[in-house]
Amino acid sequence: VRRAIENIPKNYPTTNFTTKGYYRDYQKDSLGYVNLNEALLQVFDSGFDAIDTATTKTRIYDYVQNQTFRRDTLADDAYNYSNWHKTINNAYLAPYNGNEFQILRVHDPIRNYKLNSFDFINNISEKDILKNHSFKKMKDTYLDGERLYTIQVKKAHPNYSALGIMYIAKRDFAIHKLVYSVYDDRSPNNNGILEALGIKGKLIFEVSIEYNRGVTDKMYLNYISFHNTFRLAKPPKFKVEYLMVLAEERAFSLHFNNRLGIGTSAASNYWYEFKFKNEKIKFKRIDTKTDSVVKLYPSMSEKSLNNMFRELVTMSNKRLEIGTVLNYKVTGLQDIDGNFLNIWTYKDYDQFREFFVQEVEHAYDHPPMEILMDKRRPIFDNQPIIKPDNFKDYWMNTPLKTLKE
């Protein structure tokens, strides 16, 4: 492994080259595949001596949001840790402005061998992989008649486990393939195959990268896949739409976005916390006759009641924010579909990104900027699409794996 790292500058191209191929990203939830996006791309790479994120350019030949599969607009958003809307449990993944192809490329630790790619491989050129793992030599294998070392890679950590395998050429120590997975040991996986390998945790992410020899005997990308799990926080299905001040009735009315549940005892002070100028308000009567509206009649002296509603009406007429003096909170109620009020729900997904190389050219002329993908936006977000004359030579839409029930 040490010799493979030391030979990366010799075994991989350091001059410009381009790869053309089929890209796709998609997700999987409990019901099946969702949000399949496909593209044909040409990648202009300045060579392994250059920083990939700074120098590599991409041209989009074609892009399709596949409508054969379900679309989930919330799950399709970029990762968001500021409000924990879309996150990876116990891990951090930079959103790259929602550009999934950029996320895929930064998770190639061979191409990015001078950078900190991902835990626990980190910076290959600094030999972090040697510091962080134990290794076991397995039975040799062959690829296209070439004999390869097969090396098992393992990492033990108080909270995480990692398991990988490397295929390294015997003749020049070129890395042909790397498969690497990280697991969260605080969440059980209930997977007998993984447990037999000593992995007890739930998958966080896995990377699979394969390189092949080109006509110059240098190693060029053949295939890369990055798979991670994520959790999506979905807004409450049942909520208060607005509060009305009914001055003439000396009451408040809460308007919900759905009907209250059958049998829900909404006519109880227990569910409502109202304050006027930090003084708690109790209600002498709560009317729930209307399915999606609750009327609340304060229990106050006539003088206090008149003063409160007079001030609220005055503020409303002057377009002042009544929330500065009137605060309320409602909890515990359910709608007719069984959804609790203001309760966020969480759903788990698997995210996949893959790039299959179909053609490699060992040099290129720099293309004009106006035909290149903007890395600061998602692939499908108003990007230039320029088809080459031989567009029909490239394929798109390979079948996805059949899901087991």
Protein backbone atom coordinates (compact mmCIF):
# COMPACT_ATOMS: atom_id res chain seq x y z
CA VAL A 1 0.00 0.00 0.00
CA ARG A 2 2.87 2.35 0.80
CA ARG A 3 4.49 1.67 -2.56
CA ALA A 4 1.13 2.17 -4.32
CA ILE A 5 0.85 5.62 -2.75
CA GLU A 6 4.42 6.54 -3.66
CA ASN A 7 3.82 5.49 -7.28
CA ILE A 8 0.62 7.49 -7.86
CA PRO A 9 2.52 10.29 -9.71
CA LYS A 10 4.07 7.65 -12.01
CA ASN A 11 0.99 5.52 -12.62
CA TYR A 12 -1.66 8.21 -13.22
CA PRO A 13 -1.71 10.99 -15.85
CA THR A 14 -0.12 14.32 -14.97
CA THR A 15 -0.97 15.97 -18.29
CA ASN A 16 -4.41 17.02 -19.45
CA PHE A 17 -6.93 14.43 -20.58
CA THR A 18 -10.68 14.12 -20.91
CA THR A 19 -13.20 11.43 -19.96
CA LYS A 20 -16.66 11.11 -21.46
CA GLY A 21 -19.37 9.06 -19.88
CA TYR A 22 -22.76 8.47 -18.33
CA TYR A 23 -23.57 10.06 -14.99
CA ARG A 24 -26.56 9.47 -12.77
CA ASP A 25 -27.68 10.29 -9.25
CA TYR A 26 -30.70 8.83 -7.56
CA GLN A 27 -32.20 8.06 -4.18
CA LYS A 28 -33.98 5.17 -2.54
CA ASP A 29 -36.56 5.26 0.21
CA SER A 30 -38.73 2.55 1.77
CA LEU A 31 -40.96 2.48 -1.35
CA GLY A 32 -38.23 2.22 -3.99
CA TYR A 33 -36.20 4.48 -6.28
CA VAL A 34 -36.84 8.22 -6.42
CA ASN A 35 -35.31 11.32 -8.08
CA LEU A 36 -33.33 9.68 -10.88
CA ASN A 37 -31.26 12.29 -12.74
CA GLU A 38 -29.13 11.28 -15.74
CA ALA A 39 -26.54 13.04 -17.86
CA LEU A 40 -23.87 12.54 -20.48
CA LEU A 41 -20.77 14.47 -19.44
CA GLN A 42 -17.32 15.33 -20.72
CA VAL A 43 -14.76 16.01 -17.99
CA PHE A 44 -11.68 18.11 -18.78
CA ASP A 45 -8.95 17.12 -16.31
CA SER A 46 -5.60 18.92 -16.13
CA GLY A 47 -3.87 15.89 -14.64
CA PHE A 48 -3.18 14.52 -11.17
CA ASP A 49 -0.65 17.24 -10.40
CA ALA A 50 -3.47 19.81 -10.53
CA ILE A 51 -6.12 20.33 -7.84
CA ASP A 52 -9.28 18.74 -9.20
CA THR A 53 -11.86 21.09 -7.64
CA ALA A 54 -9.96 24.16 -8.87
CA THR A 55 -8.95 23.16 -12.39
CA THR A 56 -11.26 20.41 -13.71
CA LYS A 57 -14.09 21.55 -16.02
CA THR A 58 -17.22 19.73 -17.14
CA ARG A 59 -19.35 19.96 -20.25
CA ILE A 60 -22.90 18.63 -20.29
CA TYR A 61 -23.89 16.82 -23.49
CA ASP A 62 -27.39 16.06 -22.25
CA TYR A 63 -29.37 16.02 -19.02
CA VAL A 64 -32.63 14.25 -18.16
CA GLN A 65 -34.76 14.20 -15.03
CA ASN A 66 -36.18 10.72 -15.44
CA GLN A 67 -39.94 10.90 -14.97
CA THR A 68 -40.35 7.11 -14.90
CA PHE A 69 -39.46 7.29 -11.21
CA ARG A 70 -41.13 9.25 -8.44
CA ARG A 71 -39.94 12.80 -7.72
CA ASP A 72 -39.49 14.08 -4.17
CA THR A 73 -38.57 17.76 -4.24
CA LEU A 74 -37.66 17.93 -0.53
CA ALA A 75 -35.25 14.98 -0.79
CA ASP A 76 -33.73 16.55 -3.92
CA ASP A 77 -32.58 19.65 -2.02
CA ALA A 78 -28.94 20.27 -1.08
CA TYR A 79 -27.64 19.11 2.30
CA ASN A 80 -28.56 21.63 4.98
CA TYR A 81 -27.02 21.55 8.44
CA SER A 82 -28.05 25.09 9.41
CA ASN A 83 -31.63 24.01 10.16
CA TRP A 84 -30.99 20.21 10.09
CA HIS A 85 -33.40 19.83 7.18
CA LYS A 86 -31.31 17.30 5.23
CA THR A 87 -28.36 15.73 7.02
CA ILE A 88 -26.25 12.62 7.40
CA ASN A 89 -26.43 11.13 10.87
CA ASN A 90 -23.17 11.61 12.78
CA ALA A 91 -21.34 12.83 9.69
CA TYR A 92 -20.97 16.01 7.66
CA LEU A 93 -21.18 16.32 3.88
CA ALA A 94 -20.59 19.69 2.26
CA PRO A 95 -23.53 20.59 -0.04
CA TYR A 96 -21.43 21.95 -2.97
CA ASN A 97 -24.46 24.10 -3.84
CA GLY A 98 -26.46 20.99 -4.68
CA ASN A 99 -24.12 19.87 -7.47
CA GLU A 100 -24.05 16.11 -6.94
CA PHE A 101 -21.36 15.53 -9.59
CA GLN A 102 -18.97 17.71 -7.62
CA ILE A 103 -19.78 15.73 -4.49
CA LEU A 104 -18.99 12.54 -6.38
CA ARG A 105 -15.61 13.74 -7.67
CA VAL A 106 -14.31 14.96 -4.33
CA HIS A 107 -14.80 11.43 -2.98
CA ASP A 108 -12.13 9.95 -5.24
CA PRO A 109 -9.11 9.77 -2.88
CA ILE A 110 -6.82 8.60 -5.70
CA ARG A 111 -7.54 11.57 -7.97
CA ASN A 112 -7.44 13.85 -4.91
CA TYR A 113 -4.44 12.15 -3.35
CA LYS A 114 -2.89 15.46 -2.29
CA LEU A 115 -6.02 16.55 -0.41
CA ASN A 116 -8.04 15.44 2.61
CA SER A 117 -10.73 13.40 0.84
CA PHE A 118 -12.86 11.68 3.50
CA ASP A 119 -12.52 9.87 6.82
CA PHE A 120 -10.64 7.72 7.48
CA ILE A 121 -8.56 7.59 4.31
CA ASN A 122 -8.03 11.35 4.54
CA ASN A 123 -4.86 12.52 2.73
CA ILE A 124 -3.31 9.60 0.84
CA SER A 125 -0.11 11.49 0.00
CA GLU A 126 0.47 11.97 3.75
CA LYS A 127 -0.07 8.21 4.15
CA ASP A 128 -3.03 8.74 6.49
CA ILE A 129 -4.48 5.48 5.23
CA LEU A 130 -1.47 3.66 6.69
CA LYS A 131 -1.78 5.42 10.05
CA ASN A 132 -5.51 4.88 10.37
CA HIS A 133 -5.96 1.24 9.30
CA SER A 134 -4.85 -2.32 9.69
CA PHE A 135 -4.23 -4.43 6.56
CA LYS A 136 -4.55 -8.06 5.61
CA LYS A 137 -3.20 -9.64 2.45
CA MET A 138 -5.86 -11.80 0.79
CA LYS A 139 -5.63 -14.20 -2.14
CA ASP A 140 -4.24 -12.65 -5.35
CA THR A 141 -6.61 -12.04 -8.23
CA TYR A 142 -6.37 -11.24 -11.95
CA LEU A 143 -7.77 -8.49 -14.16
CA ASP A 144 -7.35 -8.78 -17.94
CA GLY A 145 -4.50 -11.18 -17.33
CA GLU A 146 -2.72 -8.85 -14.91
CA ARG A 147 -1.98 -10.19 -11.44
CA LEU A 148 -3.16 -8.03 -8.54
CA TYR A 149 -2.60 -7.97 -4.80
CA THR A 150 -5.87 -8.07 -2.86
CA ILE A 151 -5.58 -6.09 0.37
CA GLN A 152 -8.26 -5.89 3.06
CA VAL A 153 -8.39 -2.54 4.87
CA LYS A 154 -9.99 -2.17 8.33
CA LYS A 155 -10.45 0.61 10.83
CA ALA A 156 -11.56 0.31 14.45
CA HIS A 157 -12.77 3.42 16.28
CA PRO A 158 -14.80 3.82 19.51
CA ASN A 159 -17.87 4.93 17.53
CA TYR A 160 -17.13 3.91 13.93
CA SER A 161 -15.88 1.01 11.85
CA ALA A 162 -14.50 1.03 8.33
CA LEU A 163 -13.98 -1.85 5.94
CA GLY A 164 -12.40 -1.73 2.51
CA ILE A 165 -10.51 -3.64 -0.12
CA MET A 166 -7.77 -2.52 -2.51
CA TYR A 167 -6.57 -4.18 -5.71
CA ILE A 168 -2.95 -3.24 -6.50
CA ALA A 169 -0.96 -4.29 -9.57
CA LYS A 170 2.10 -6.42 -8.76
CA ARG A 171 4.25 -5.07 -11.59
CA ASP A 172 4.05 -1.33 -10.87
CA PHE A 173 1.82 -1.00 -7.75
CA ALA A 174 -0.94 0.86 -9.59
CA ILE A 175 -4.23 0.93 -7.67
CA HIS A 176 -6.85 -0.65 -9.92
CA LYS A 177 -9.75 -0.56 -7.52
CA LEU A 178 -10.73 0.71 -4.09
CA VAL A 179 -13.96 -0.13 -2.26
CA TYR A 180 -14.39 1.51 1.14
CA SER A 181 -17.29 1.76 3.62
CA VAL A 182 -17.73 3.55 6.96
CA TYR A 183 -20.28 2.45 9.57
CA ASP A 184 -21.77 4.09 12.65
CA ASP A 185 -21.41 1.53 15.47
CA ARG A 186 -23.90 3.42 17.64
CA SER A 187 -26.72 2.33 15.31
CA PRO A 188 -27.11 -1.46 14.76
CA ASN A 189 -27.42 -2.67 11.17
CA ASN A 190 -29.18 -6.02 11.75
CA ASN A 191 -27.28 -7.41 8.76
CA GLY A 192 -25.95 -10.94 9.20
CA ILE A 193 -23.41 -10.65 6.37
CA LEU A 194 -21.85 -7.51 7.83
CA GLU A 195 -21.89 -8.92 11.36
CA ALA A 196 -19.96 -11.94 10.12
CA LEU A 197 -17.27 -9.50 8.95
CA GLY A 198 -17.20 -7.85 12.35
CA ILE A 199 -19.26 -4.82 11.27
CA LYS A 200 -22.10 -4.11 13.68
CA GLY A 201 -22.98 -0.53 12.76
CA LYS A 202 -25.25 1.13 10.23
CA LEU A 203 -23.77 2.32 6.93
CA ILE A 204 -22.86 6.03 6.72
CA PHE A 205 -21.24 6.01 3.29
CA GLU A 206 -19.42 3.78 0.82
CA VAL A 207 -17.15 4.56 -2.13
CA SER A 208 -16.27 2.31 -5.06
CA ILE A 209 -13.62 3.44 -7.55
CA GLU A 210 -12.11 1.55 -10.46
CA TYR A 211 -9.22 2.58 -12.75
CA ASN A 212 -8.11 0.91 -15.99
CA ARG A 213 -4.94 1.20 -18.05
CA GLY A 214 -5.10 3.47 -21.05
CA VAL A 215 -3.13 3.19 -24.30
CA THR A 216 -0.25 5.05 -22.61
CA ASP A 217 -0.28 2.50 -19.75
CA LYS A 218 -1.37 5.25 -17.37
CA MET A 219 -4.38 4.58 -15.14
CA TYR A 220 -7.64 6.34 -16.07
CA LEU A 221 -10.95 6.33 -14.26
CA ASN A 222 -13.35 3.62 -15.40
CA TYR A 223 -16.10 3.92 -12.82
CA ILE A 224 -16.85 5.72 -9.56
CA SER A 225 -19.78 5.40 -7.17
CA PHE A 226 -20.52 7.21 -3.92
CA HIS A 227 -23.38 6.00 -1.73
CA ASN A 228 -24.47 7.57 1.54
CA THR A 229 -27.49 7.53 3.78
CA PHE A 230 -29.25 10.71 4.87
CA ARG A 231 -32.18 11.80 6.96
CA LEU A 232 -34.79 14.27 5.77
CA ALA A 233 -36.74 16.38 8.23
CA LYS A 234 -40.26 16.94 6.89
CA PRO A 235 -42.33 19.91 8.11
CA PRO A 236 -45.40 19.26 10.26
CA LYS A 237 -48.45 18.09 8.32
CA PHE A 238 -50.79 19.56 10.94
CA LYS A 239 -50.30 23.16 12.00
CA VAL A 240 -52.01 26.43 12.92
CA GLU A 241 -52.46 28.53 9.79
CA TYR A 242 -53.32 31.77 11.57
CA LEU A 243 -54.85 33.38 14.66
CA MET A 244 -57.71 35.87 14.45
CA VAL A 245 -58.63 38.45 17.08
CA LEU A 246 -62.45 38.59 17.30
CA ALA A 247 -62.89 41.90 19.11
CA GLU A 248 -66.70 41.98 18.95
CA GLU A 249 -66.98 38.45 20.38
CA ARG A 250 -64.16 39.06 22.86
CA ALA A 251 -62.50 35.88 21.63
CA PHE A 252 -59.61 34.42 19.65
CA SER A 253 -60.02 31.93 16.83
CA LEU A 254 -57.31 29.44 15.83
CA HIS A 255 -57.51 28.24 12.23
CA PHE A 256 -55.85 24.88 11.51
CA ASN A 257 -54.84 23.51 8.11
CA ASN A 258 -56.84 20.31 8.64
CA ARG A 259 -59.83 19.06 10.60
CA LEU A 260 -59.33 18.13 14.22
CA GLY A 261 -59.29 14.44 14.98
CA ILE A 262 -62.45 12.66 15.93
CA GLY A 263 -62.57 12.33 19.68
CA THR A 264 -59.82 14.93 20.20
CA SER A 265 -60.61 16.82 23.40
CA ALA A 266 -59.60 20.22 22.05
CA ALA A 267 -61.95 22.04 24.47
CA SER A 268 -59.44 22.00 27.33
CA ASN A 269 -57.17 24.73 28.64
CA TYR A 270 -54.46 22.09 28.86
CA TRP A 271 -53.56 22.40 25.15
CA TYR A 272 -53.29 26.20 24.97
CA GLU A 273 -50.75 28.60 26.39
CA PHE A 274 -51.67 32.23 25.76
CA LYS A 275 -49.95 35.27 27.24
CA PHE A 276 -50.83 38.96 26.96
CA LYS A 277 -47.95 41.15 28.10
CA ASN A 278 -46.45 38.08 29.78
CA GLU A 279 -49.62 37.48 31.81
CA LYS A 280 -51.19 34.04 31.33
CA ILE A 281 -54.68 33.85 29.91
CA LYS A 282 -57.15 31.17 30.94
CA PHE A 283 -60.29 30.47 28.95
CA LYS A 284 -63.80 30.16 30.34
CA ARG A 285 -65.09 28.54 27.16
CA ILE A 286 -63.47 26.80 24.19
CA ASP A 287 -65.68 26.20 21.17
CA THR A 288 -64.67 23.30 18.85
CA LYS A 289 -67.89 22.97 16.86
CA THR A 290 -66.17 23.87 13.58
CA ASP A 291 -63.92 21.07 12.29
CA SER A 292 -60.80 23.15 11.69
CA VAL A 293 -61.39 26.24 13.86
CA VAL A 294 -61.21 26.60 17.64
CA LYS A 295 -62.68 29.67 19.37
CA LEU A 296 -61.28 30.63 22.75
CA TYR A 297 -63.07 33.00 25.16
CA PRO A 298 -60.76 34.47 27.84
CA SER A 299 -61.67 34.27 31.49
CA MET A 300 -60.94 37.83 32.63
CA SER A 301 -62.66 40.76 34.28
CA GLU A 302 -64.76 42.88 31.97
CA LYS A 303 -62.36 45.81 32.33
CA SER A 304 -59.24 43.73 31.56
CA LEU A 305 -61.03 42.09 28.65
CA ASN A 306 -62.03 45.43 27.11
CA ASN A 307 -58.55 46.91 27.61
CA MET A 308 -56.82 43.92 26.00
CA PHE A 309 -59.00 43.78 22.88
CA ARG A 310 -58.98 47.59 22.52
CA GLU A 311 -55.18 47.57 22.50
CA LEU A 312 -55.01 44.65 20.06
CA VAL A 313 -57.43 46.34 17.65
CA THR A 314 -55.49 49.62 17.88
CA MET A 315 -52.22 47.85 17.11
CA SER A 316 -53.82 46.02 14.17
CA ASN A 317 -55.21 49.26 12.71
CA LYS A 318 -51.76 50.84 12.96
CA ARG A 319 -50.25 47.75 11.31
CA LEU A 320 -48.18 47.02 14.38
CA GLU A 321 -47.09 43.47 15.16
CA ILE A 322 -49.44 42.17 17.84
CA GLY A 323 -47.02 39.31 18.47
CA THR A 324 -44.99 41.75 20.60
CA VAL A 325 -47.76 41.69 23.25
CA LEU A 326 -49.73 38.53 22.48
CA ASN A 327 -47.98 35.14 22.43
CA TYR A 328 -49.54 31.74 22.10
CA LYS A 329 -48.53 28.10 21.89
CA VAL A 330 -50.68 25.07 21.08
CA THR A 331 -49.50 21.50 21.67
CA GLY A 332 -50.76 17.94 21.73
CA LEU A 333 -53.70 18.15 19.32
CA GLN A 334 -54.16 15.68 16.46
CA ASP A 335 -55.83 16.08 13.10
CA ILE A 336 -58.28 13.65 11.55
CA ASP A 337 -55.39 11.78 9.87
CA GLY A 338 -53.61 11.18 13.17
CA ASN A 339 -50.87 13.81 12.69
CA PHE A 340 -49.80 15.62 15.83
CA LEU A 341 -49.71 19.41 15.79
CA ASN A 342 -46.35 21.01 14.88
CA ILE A 343 -44.49 17.69 14.99
CA TRP A 344 -41.71 17.27 12.44
CA THR A 345 -41.24 13.79 10.98
CA TYR A 346 -38.04 12.16 9.79
CA LYS A 347 -37.49 9.86 6.84
CA ASP A 348 -34.36 7.91 5.91
CA TYR A 349 -33.01 7.72 2.37
CA ASP A 350 -30.08 6.24 0.47
CA GLN A 351 -28.31 8.54 -1.99
CA PHE A 352 -26.30 7.23 -4.96
CA ARG A 353 -24.06 9.03 -7.48
CA GLU A 354 -22.30 7.15 -10.28
CA PHE A 355 -20.16 7.94 -13.31
CA PHE A 356 -19.38 5.33 -16.00
CA VAL A 357 -16.55 6.32 -18.35
CA GLN A 358 -17.17 5.44 -22.00
CA GLU A 359 -14.24 7.16 -23.68
CA VAL A 360 -10.85 8.63 -22.74
CA GLU A 361 -8.87 11.16 -24.79
CA HIS A 362 -5.29 11.78 -23.75
CA ALA A 363 -5.21 15.50 -24.61
CA TYR A 364 -7.69 18.28 -25.31
CA ASP A 365 -8.01 21.91 -26.29
CA HIS A 366 -9.51 24.08 -23.57
CA PRO A 367 -13.21 24.64 -24.33
CA PRO A 368 -14.84 28.08 -24.10
CA MET A 369 -16.24 28.87 -20.66
CA GLU A 370 -19.75 29.55 -21.91
CA ILE A 371 -20.33 25.88 -22.77
CA LEU A 372 -19.11 24.55 -19.41
CA MET A 373 -21.13 23.51 -16.38
CA ASP A 374 -21.34 26.03 -13.55
CA LYS A 375 -20.07 24.12 -10.49
CA ARG A 376 -21.93 26.52 -8.22
CA ARG A 377 -25.32 25.21 -9.31
CA PRO A 378 -26.94 21.76 -9.56
CA ILE A 379 -26.46 19.99 -12.89
CA PHE A 380 -30.11 20.45 -13.80
CA ASP A 381 -30.32 24.13 -12.80
CA ASN A 382 -30.28 26.11 -16.06
CA GLN A 383 -26.92 24.74 -17.22
CA PRO A 384 -25.69 24.94 -20.84
CA ILE A 385 -26.30 21.71 -22.76
CA ILE A 386 -24.17 21.27 -25.88
CA LYS A 387 -24.43 18.02 -27.84
CA PRO A 388 -21.44 16.97 -29.96
CA ASP A 389 -21.78 15.85 -33.57
CA ASN A 390 -21.22 12.20 -32.55
CA PHE A 391 -23.73 12.37 -29.68
CA LYS A 392 -25.33 9.06 -30.75
CA ASP A 393 -22.07 7.24 -29.97
CA TYR A 394 -22.74 7.57 -26.24
CA TRP A 395 -25.32 5.68 -24.20
CA MET A 396 -27.57 6.75 -21.38
CA ASN A 397 -30.04 5.09 -19.03
CA THR A 398 -28.59 1.81 -17.83
CA PRO A 399 -31.06 -0.22 -15.74
CA LEU A 400 -31.00 0.12 -11.97
CA LYS A 401 -30.62 -2.91 -9.72
CA THR A 402 -33.81 -4.85 -9.01
CA LEU A 403 -34.88 -4.14 -5.45
CA LYS A 404 -35.60 -7.09 -3.18
CA GLU A 405 -38.87 -6.98 -1.29
